[in-house]
Amino acid sequence: MAGAVRDTREVWASYFLLQDRARVLALLADLLKQVSDETARIDVAAFGHASSGELI
């Protein structure tokens, strides 16, 4: 799963509508609070960064 997220995060992130990105980022932030595996946390954070796109 982690590998799939790493390989496709840029593609997936580009499909989020601008109005949905804030919600996705909030969900990812909540997920980071629950995940203890460091590799998973890094991948979720990277996906969040890729998803933030135009919000930065």
Protein backbone atom coordinates (compact mmCIF):
# COMPACT_ATOMS: atom_id res chain seq x y z
CA MET A 1 0.00 0.00 0.00
CA ALA A 2 2.74 2.43 0.95
CA GLY A 3 4.50 1.80 -2.35
CA ALA A 4 1.30 2.39 -4.31
CA VAL A 5 0.73 5.70 -2.54
CA ARG A 6 4.33 6.74 -3.18
CA ASP A 7 4.14 5.86 -6.85
CA THR A 8 0.84 7.52 -7.62
CA ARG A 9 0.43 10.41 -5.16
CA GLU A 10 1.23 13.08 -7.75
CA VAL A 11 -1.37 11.66 -10.15
CA TRP A 12 -4.06 11.19 -7.50
CA ALA A 13 -3.50 14.63 -6.04
CA SER A 14 -4.00 16.30 -9.39
CA TYR A 15 -7.55 14.95 -9.62
CA PHE A 16 -8.84 16.64 -6.45
CA LEU A 17 -11.03 19.64 -7.11
CA LEU A 18 -9.77 22.79 -5.46
CA GLN A 19 -12.78 22.94 -3.12
CA ASP A 20 -12.12 19.34 -2.01
CA ARG A 21 -8.43 19.78 -1.26
CA ALA A 22 -8.98 21.46 2.11
CA ARG A 23 -11.14 18.54 3.24
CA VAL A 24 -8.60 15.99 2.01
CA LEU A 25 -5.81 17.82 3.83
CA ALA A 26 -7.86 17.87 7.05
CA LEU A 27 -8.51 14.12 6.73
CA LEU A 28 -4.82 13.48 6.15
CA ALA A 29 -3.91 15.56 9.21
CA ASP A 30 -6.29 13.46 11.32
CA LEU A 31 -4.81 10.29 9.84
CA LEU A 32 -1.30 11.40 10.80
CA LYS A 33 -2.44 11.63 14.43
CA GLN A 34 -3.55 8.00 14.34
CA VAL A 35 -0.69 6.35 12.43
CA SER A 36 2.37 5.29 14.39
CA ASP A 37 4.38 3.64 11.60
CA GLU A 38 7.04 6.12 10.49
CA THR A 39 7.12 5.01 6.86
CA ALA A 40 3.34 5.35 6.61
CA ARG A 41 3.50 8.78 8.26
CA ILE A 42 6.11 9.95 5.75
CA ASP A 43 4.01 8.67 2.85
CA VAL A 44 0.81 10.29 4.17
CA ALA A 45 2.64 13.57 4.72
CA ALA A 46 4.09 13.44 1.19
CA PHE A 47 0.64 12.75 -0.23
CA GLY A 48 -0.68 15.73 1.72
CA HIS A 49 2.08 17.91 0.33
CA ALA A 50 1.30 16.76 -3.23
CA SER A 51 -2.42 17.31 -2.59
CA SER A 52 -1.95 20.84 -1.32
CA GLY A 53 -1.02 21.97 -4.84
CA GLU A 54 -2.53 25.37 -5.38
CA LEU A 55 -3.29 25.89 -1.67
CA ILE A 56 0.35 26.61 -0.89
